[in-house]
Amino acid sequence: MGVMLARASLPGVLAQIRHVAPVRPSAAPEPVTRVYAQLEHDFGMLAPPVILHAPAPELLAACWIMLRESLLAEGTVGRAAKEMAAAAVSLGNRCPYCVDVHGAMLRSMTGGRYTAGELETVPDPDMRRIAAWARSWQPREISWRPHAELVAVATTFHYLNRMVNVFLADSPIPPQVPGSLQRVLMRLFGTVMSSATGRPGAPGASLSLLPGAELPADLSWAREEPILAQAFSRAAAAVETAGSLSVPRTVRELVTAHLAGWDGAPVGLSRSWVTDAVRLLAPVHRPAGRLALLTAMAAYQVDDQVIEEFRQGRPGDRALIELTSWAAFAAARRAAVPALSPIPSKRRTS
């Protein structure tokens, strides 16, 4: 079922990706084909938020490892609760594409009980507090400790939301489709996808895609779940390597400093703040600084001009994916809750 759906949907999937050339399965190198095969099997389709990373195969693997081991693999927390976290994070990050997709999945899995735009008013108290927690930026003052699996989902979607806002449109449904039909298609999409993904996969099946690495201190929340610790340590190492290749040191320092003082509040519609910020950089590094800061803090503001200015100095697709991936993951790491203890009970949350 998964492979059939993936192949049937391929033309539409590839057409959704902008700014970089999609890597077709028939032309993909071996590291990419391994990820594509797992995606087809476990997710039911070649999901655009993942395959947009294909120009940088190590980052494709990193993205997939985080998504698979946090959202799709079998664990203590149920899939519906994870979809709630994914949809709520996406709402907070103003990522309509991910809200549509994971809101549809959530509705399908819960019999239509939850609407993506009203997650914090759902009747189930466990699901409501997951939504409220996940929608907040660095929610330090909480009366409960979310399981590391939920933190992993939230961290993954803080990352994915930023990449999606840069490289995909606002919805997986083409904009020329009438609004009423879009809603019908999204409900159908949720039903098909929840069926295609089937039963949860075995934890750890994606880890061989990247070599082992040490878990960074700011991701220590993953230590209570060894598979997640391995997944996020490997992904973090790949992203850091990519950053060292395509993000100038002064740009990395600038982004890190801005994230350290940011409370997650929207930066507004104007981009004057980023213009002021990059004046600290050498002129040759300002386009990279502008793109990295926007990706980290206001990815919805990245447009063709910002991309084109960066490409004048670094024209390849790989460099573009490496810079945006590093910036998106820097923000995701900043958003994660650093110290957590597991939910006392081992019962599954819906």
Protein backbone atom coordinates (compact mmCIF):
# COMPACT_ATOMS: atom_id res chain seq x y z
CA MET A 1 0.00 0.00 0.00
CA GLY A 2 2.76 2.46 0.96
CA VAL A 3 4.85 1.92 -2.17
CA MET A 4 1.78 2.15 -4.44
CA LEU A 5 0.68 5.42 -2.82
CA ALA A 6 4.19 6.84 -3.03
CA ARG A 7 4.50 6.11 -6.73
CA ALA A 8 1.02 7.36 -7.58
CA SER A 9 1.59 10.64 -5.76
CA LEU A 10 5.16 11.25 -6.98
CA PRO A 11 4.47 13.86 -9.71
CA GLY A 12 2.45 16.05 -7.35
CA VAL A 13 4.97 15.60 -4.55
CA LEU A 14 7.92 16.74 -6.66
CA ALA A 15 5.96 19.74 -7.97
CA GLN A 16 5.45 21.06 -4.43
CA ILE A 17 9.17 21.69 -3.80
CA ARG A 18 10.51 25.15 -4.60
CA HIS A 19 13.97 26.80 -4.64
CA VAL A 20 15.79 23.47 -5.13
CA ALA A 21 15.56 20.78 -7.81
CA PRO A 22 13.77 17.68 -6.47
CA VAL A 23 15.81 14.49 -6.64
CA ARG A 24 13.77 11.87 -8.48
CA PRO A 25 13.96 8.27 -7.23
CA SER A 26 15.16 7.08 -10.64
CA ALA A 27 18.13 9.46 -10.52
CA ALA A 28 18.91 9.33 -6.79
CA PRO A 29 22.32 8.22 -5.50
CA GLU A 30 22.49 5.27 -3.11
CA PRO A 31 22.33 7.23 0.19
CA VAL A 32 19.15 8.93 -1.02
CA THR A 33 17.50 5.76 -2.30
CA ARG A 34 17.89 4.15 1.14
CA VAL A 35 15.93 6.99 2.76
CA TYR A 36 13.36 7.01 -0.03
CA ALA A 37 12.76 3.27 0.44
CA GLN A 38 12.15 3.70 4.18
CA LEU A 39 9.88 6.68 3.54
CA GLU A 40 7.76 4.70 1.09
CA HIS A 41 7.48 1.78 3.48
CA ASP A 42 6.91 3.62 6.77
CA PHE A 43 5.22 6.88 5.82
CA GLY A 44 3.26 5.75 2.79
CA MET A 45 4.64 8.39 0.42
CA LEU A 46 7.74 10.41 -0.40
CA ALA A 47 6.77 13.24 1.94
CA PRO A 48 7.84 16.64 0.51
CA PRO A 49 9.09 18.00 3.88
CA VAL A 50 11.61 15.16 3.96
CA ILE A 51 12.66 14.77 0.32
CA LEU A 52 13.30 18.50 -0.13
CA HIS A 53 16.55 17.72 1.77
CA ALA A 54 17.76 15.29 -0.91
CA PRO A 55 20.38 17.67 -2.44
CA ALA A 56 22.25 17.13 0.86
CA PRO A 57 21.95 13.35 1.48
CA GLU A 58 23.26 13.45 5.07
CA LEU A 59 20.62 16.03 5.99
CA LEU A 60 17.94 13.99 4.22
CA ALA A 61 18.93 11.10 6.49
CA ALA A 62 19.01 13.35 9.56
CA CYS A 63 15.53 14.72 8.88
CA TRP A 64 14.10 11.27 8.29
CA ILE A 65 15.74 9.76 11.37
CA MET A 66 14.24 12.48 13.61
CA LEU A 67 10.79 12.20 12.03
CA ARG A 68 10.66 8.42 11.96
CA GLU A 69 11.99 7.74 15.44
CA SER A 70 9.93 10.51 17.08
CA LEU A 71 6.58 10.28 15.26
CA LEU A 72 6.32 6.92 13.50
CA ALA A 73 8.20 4.39 15.61
CA GLU A 74 6.37 2.42 18.27
CA GLY A 75 6.80 3.76 21.77
CA THR A 76 5.11 4.57 25.05
CA VAL A 77 3.13 7.54 23.73
CA GLY A 78 0.34 6.86 21.22
CA ARG A 79 0.40 8.17 17.67
CA ALA A 80 -2.64 10.45 18.13
CA ALA A 81 -0.92 12.25 21.02
CA LYS A 82 2.17 12.69 18.86
CA GLU A 83 0.06 14.08 16.01
CA MET A 84 -1.48 16.49 18.51
CA ALA A 85 2.00 17.73 19.43
CA ALA A 86 2.99 18.01 15.76
CA ALA A 87 -0.12 20.01 14.85
CA ALA A 88 0.17 22.29 17.89
CA VAL A 89 3.85 23.09 17.28
CA SER A 90 2.99 23.84 13.66
CA LEU A 91 0.24 26.22 14.76
CA GLY A 92 2.63 28.07 17.02
CA ASN A 93 5.20 28.35 14.23
CA ARG A 94 2.67 29.59 11.65
CA CYS A 95 3.29 26.65 9.30
CA PRO A 96 -0.03 26.15 7.49
CA TYR A 97 1.26 23.22 5.41
CA CYS A 98 2.11 21.15 8.51
CA VAL A 99 -1.08 22.25 10.27
CA ASP A 100 -3.09 20.96 7.30
CA VAL A 101 -1.25 17.64 7.07
CA HIS A 102 -1.03 16.76 10.74
CA GLY A 103 -4.39 18.28 11.58
CA ALA A 104 -5.88 15.95 8.95
CA MET A 105 -4.00 12.98 10.38
CA LEU A 106 -5.19 13.87 13.89
CA ARG A 107 -8.81 14.15 12.81
CA SER A 108 -8.64 10.81 11.03
CA MET A 109 -7.06 9.04 13.99
CA THR A 110 -9.55 10.47 16.50
CA GLY A 111 -12.72 10.15 14.45
CA GLY A 112 -12.87 13.85 13.63
CA ARG A 113 -12.96 15.04 17.25
CA TYR A 114 -10.23 17.68 16.90
CA THR A 115 -9.96 20.72 14.65
CA ALA A 116 -6.42 21.98 14.03
CA GLY A 117 -7.25 25.60 14.83
CA GLU A 118 -8.92 24.73 18.16
CA LEU A 119 -6.48 22.27 19.70
CA GLU A 120 -6.36 23.90 23.12
CA THR A 121 -10.14 23.60 23.60
CA VAL A 122 -10.44 19.85 23.06
CA PRO A 123 -12.40 18.04 25.78
CA ASP A 124 -9.77 15.41 26.60
CA PRO A 125 -7.55 16.96 29.33
CA ASP A 126 -4.45 14.93 28.40
CA MET A 127 -4.65 15.96 24.76
CA ARG A 128 -5.46 19.55 25.72
CA ARG A 129 -2.37 19.93 27.86
CA ILE A 130 -0.20 18.38 25.14
CA ALA A 131 -1.52 20.99 22.71
CA ALA A 132 -1.01 23.88 25.13
CA TRP A 133 2.52 22.74 25.96
CA ALA A 134 3.57 22.08 22.36
CA ARG A 135 2.24 25.38 21.09
CA SER A 136 4.39 27.38 23.54
CA TRP A 137 8.00 28.39 23.01
CA GLN A 138 10.26 26.99 25.75
CA PRO A 139 7.42 26.27 28.22
CA ARG A 140 9.50 26.27 31.40
CA GLU A 141 6.66 26.65 33.90
CA ILE A 142 4.58 23.52 33.45
CA SER A 143 2.77 21.37 35.99
CA TRP A 144 3.65 18.10 34.27
CA ARG A 145 6.63 16.58 32.52
CA PRO A 146 5.96 15.51 28.93
CA HIS A 147 7.51 12.24 27.90
CA ALA A 148 10.73 12.45 25.89
CA GLU A 149 8.85 11.07 22.87
CA LEU A 150 6.65 14.18 22.85
CA VAL A 151 9.68 16.44 23.24
CA ALA A 152 11.25 14.62 20.29
CA VAL A 153 8.15 15.25 18.17
CA ALA A 154 8.07 18.92 19.18
CA THR A 155 11.77 19.39 18.41
CA THR A 156 11.38 17.66 15.04
CA PHE A 157 8.49 19.90 14.06
CA HIS A 158 10.18 23.09 15.23
CA TYR A 159 12.79 22.05 12.68
CA LEU A 160 10.45 20.86 9.93
CA ASN A 161 8.11 23.85 10.15
CA ARG A 162 10.97 26.18 9.29
CA MET A 163 12.18 24.08 6.35
CA VAL A 164 8.62 23.69 5.07
CA ASN A 165 7.92 27.42 5.26
CA VAL A 166 11.02 28.07 3.15
CA PHE A 167 10.70 25.30 0.57
CA LEU A 168 6.99 24.39 0.28
CA ALA A 169 3.73 26.22 -0.37
CA ASP A 170 1.08 26.90 2.29
CA SER A 171 -0.83 23.68 1.61
CA PRO A 172 -0.31 20.28 0.00
CA ILE A 173 -3.50 20.99 -1.96
CA PRO A 174 -2.96 23.19 -5.07
CA PRO A 175 -4.22 26.77 -4.52
CA GLN A 176 -6.50 26.64 -7.59
CA VAL A 177 -8.68 24.01 -5.88
CA PRO A 178 -11.82 25.69 -4.38
CA GLY A 179 -11.84 26.05 -0.61
CA SER A 180 -14.75 23.69 0.00
CA LEU A 181 -13.09 20.98 -2.09
CA GLN A 182 -9.77 21.56 -0.34
CA ARG A 183 -11.38 20.64 2.98
CA VAL A 184 -12.80 17.44 1.49
CA LEU A 185 -9.45 16.53 -0.03
CA MET A 186 -7.63 17.14 3.25
CA ARG A 187 -10.05 14.85 5.10
CA LEU A 188 -9.49 12.20 2.43
CA PHE A 189 -5.74 12.74 2.69
CA GLY A 190 -5.83 12.17 6.44
CA THR A 191 -7.82 8.97 6.03
CA VAL A 192 -5.53 7.60 3.31
CA MET A 193 -2.34 8.54 5.15
CA SER A 194 -3.41 7.14 8.51
CA SER A 195 -4.26 3.91 6.70
CA ALA A 196 -1.06 3.88 4.63
CA THR A 197 1.26 4.31 7.60
CA GLY A 198 -0.31 1.26 9.19
CA ARG A 199 1.12 -0.09 12.41
CA PRO A 200 4.03 1.71 14.15
CA GLY A 201 7.45 0.70 12.93
CA ALA A 202 10.17 -0.95 14.99
CA PRO A 203 12.21 1.66 16.88
CA GLY A 204 15.72 2.29 15.60
CA ALA A 205 15.33 1.00 12.04
CA SER A 206 16.60 4.27 10.55
CA LEU A 207 19.69 4.69 12.75
CA SER A 208 22.04 2.92 10.33
CA LEU A 209 21.58 5.78 7.86
CA LEU A 210 24.07 7.91 9.84
CA PRO A 211 27.10 7.08 12.01
CA GLY A 212 26.92 7.22 15.79
CA ALA A 213 27.74 10.45 17.62
CA GLU A 214 27.79 11.98 21.09
CA LEU A 215 24.52 13.52 22.29
CA PRO A 216 24.90 17.30 22.79
CA ALA A 217 24.13 18.64 26.26
CA ASP A 218 21.19 20.75 25.06
CA LEU A 219 19.49 17.58 23.79
CA SER A 220 19.94 15.73 27.09
CA TRP A 221 16.16 15.27 27.39
CA ALA A 222 16.59 12.37 24.93
CA ARG A 223 18.80 10.35 27.30
CA GLU A 224 15.84 8.68 28.97
CA GLU A 225 15.01 6.97 25.65
CA PRO A 226 18.17 5.37 24.15
CA ILE A 227 16.82 5.14 20.59
CA LEU A 228 15.85 8.81 20.61
CA ALA A 229 19.25 9.69 22.05
CA GLN A 230 20.93 7.90 19.17
CA ALA A 231 18.59 9.43 16.61
CA PHE A 232 19.08 13.01 17.74
CA SER A 233 22.80 12.69 18.36
CA ARG A 234 23.34 11.41 14.82
CA ALA A 235 21.08 14.06 13.31
CA ALA A 236 22.74 16.84 15.31
CA ALA A 237 26.21 15.74 14.18
CA ALA A 238 25.13 15.75 10.53
CA VAL A 239 23.59 19.22 10.85
CA GLU A 240 26.64 20.62 12.62
CA THR A 241 28.92 19.26 9.91
CA ALA A 242 26.71 20.85 7.27
CA GLY A 243 26.77 24.15 9.14
CA SER A 244 30.56 24.16 9.29
CA LEU A 245 30.64 23.72 5.50
CA SER A 246 28.03 26.25 4.38
CA VAL A 247 27.39 28.70 7.23
CA PRO A 248 30.19 31.20 7.91
CA ARG A 249 31.38 31.23 11.51
CA THR A 250 30.27 34.84 12.04
CA VAL A 251 26.80 33.96 10.77
CA ARG A 252 26.56 31.00 13.16
CA GLU A 253 27.59 33.26 16.03
CA LEU A 254 25.04 35.91 15.04
CA VAL A 255 22.16 33.42 14.83
CA THR A 256 23.14 31.79 18.13
CA ALA A 257 23.23 35.17 19.89
CA HIS A 258 19.82 36.20 18.55
CA LEU A 259 18.23 32.88 19.48
CA ALA A 260 19.64 33.09 23.01
CA GLY A 261 17.75 36.31 23.64
CA TRP A 262 14.54 35.42 21.79
CA ASP A 263 11.37 34.43 23.63
CA GLY A 264 9.74 32.94 20.54
CA ALA A 265 7.38 35.87 19.96
CA PRO A 266 6.62 36.70 16.30
CA VAL A 267 9.07 39.25 14.92
CA GLY A 268 6.33 41.02 12.93
CA LEU A 269 5.80 41.63 9.23
CA SER A 270 8.72 43.97 8.71
CA ARG A 271 12.20 42.61 7.98
CA SER A 272 13.96 45.73 9.26
CA TRP A 273 15.20 43.80 12.30
CA VAL A 274 17.19 41.42 10.13
CA THR A 275 18.59 44.24 8.01
CA ASP A 276 19.90 45.87 11.18
CA ALA A 277 21.28 42.59 12.51
CA VAL A 278 23.35 41.65 9.46
CA ARG A 279 25.10 45.03 9.41
CA LEU A 280 27.45 43.46 11.96
CA LEU A 281 28.62 41.02 9.27
CA ALA A 282 31.10 41.52 6.47
CA PRO A 283 29.18 42.45 3.28
CA VAL A 284 30.04 39.14 1.64
CA HIS A 285 28.34 37.24 4.49
CA ARG A 286 25.21 39.37 4.80
CA PRO A 287 23.03 37.34 2.38
CA ALA A 288 23.85 34.15 4.33
CA GLY A 289 23.19 35.94 7.61
CA ARG A 290 19.86 37.28 6.38
CA LEU A 291 18.68 33.87 5.18
CA ALA A 292 19.88 32.08 8.32
CA LEU A 293 18.26 34.55 10.72
CA LEU A 294 14.97 34.52 8.84
CA THR A 295 14.93 30.72 8.66
CA ALA A 296 15.51 30.45 12.40
CA MET A 297 13.17 33.19 13.62
CA ALA A 298 10.68 34.01 10.84
CA ALA A 299 10.87 31.36 8.12
CA TYR A 300 7.56 32.52 6.67
CA GLN A 301 9.35 35.74 5.65
CA VAL A 302 11.85 34.00 3.38
CA ASP A 303 11.08 34.89 -0.24
CA ASP A 304 12.63 34.58 -3.69
CA GLN A 305 14.76 37.69 -3.20
CA VAL A 306 16.34 36.39 0.01
CA ILE A 307 17.11 33.06 -1.69
CA GLU A 308 18.50 34.71 -4.82
CA GLU A 309 20.81 37.01 -2.85
CA PHE A 310 22.25 33.99 -1.07
CA ARG A 311 22.64 32.06 -4.33
CA GLN A 312 24.77 34.82 -5.85
CA GLY A 313 27.58 33.72 -3.56
CA ARG A 314 26.65 30.02 -3.12
CA PRO A 315 24.67 28.89 -6.20
CA GLY A 316 24.31 25.17 -5.44
CA ASP A 317 21.23 23.48 -3.98
CA ARG A 318 23.34 21.64 -1.42
CA ALA A 319 24.66 24.86 0.17
CA LEU A 320 21.13 26.25 0.37
CA ILE A 321 19.83 23.14 2.16
CA GLU A 322 22.84 23.05 4.48
CA LEU A 323 22.48 26.66 5.59
CA THR A 324 18.72 26.56 6.14
CA SER A 325 18.92 23.18 7.86
CA TRP A 326 21.55 24.41 10.29
CA ALA A 327 19.52 27.55 11.10
CA ALA A 328 16.25 25.62 11.48
CA PHE A 329 17.83 23.06 13.79
CA ALA A 330 19.51 25.75 15.88
CA ALA A 331 16.04 27.20 16.52
CA ALA A 332 14.55 23.76 17.21
CA ARG A 333 17.21 23.01 19.79
CA ARG A 334 16.57 26.35 21.47
CA ALA A 335 12.84 25.61 21.64
CA ALA A 336 13.20 22.18 23.25
CA VAL A 337 12.64 21.80 26.99
CA PRO A 338 16.08 20.89 28.36
CA ALA A 339 15.27 18.85 31.48
CA LEU A 340 12.46 16.33 31.59
CA SER A 341 11.46 13.25 33.51
CA PRO A 342 9.28 10.54 31.95
CA ILE A 343 5.56 10.18 32.49
CA PRO A 344 5.34 7.89 35.54
CA SER A 345 2.88 5.44 33.99
CA LYS A 346 3.72 3.29 30.99
CA ARG A 347 0.16 3.41 29.70
CA ARG A 348 -0.29 4.75 26.21
CA THR A 349 -1.79 8.22 25.71
CA SER A 350 -4.55 7.88 23.10
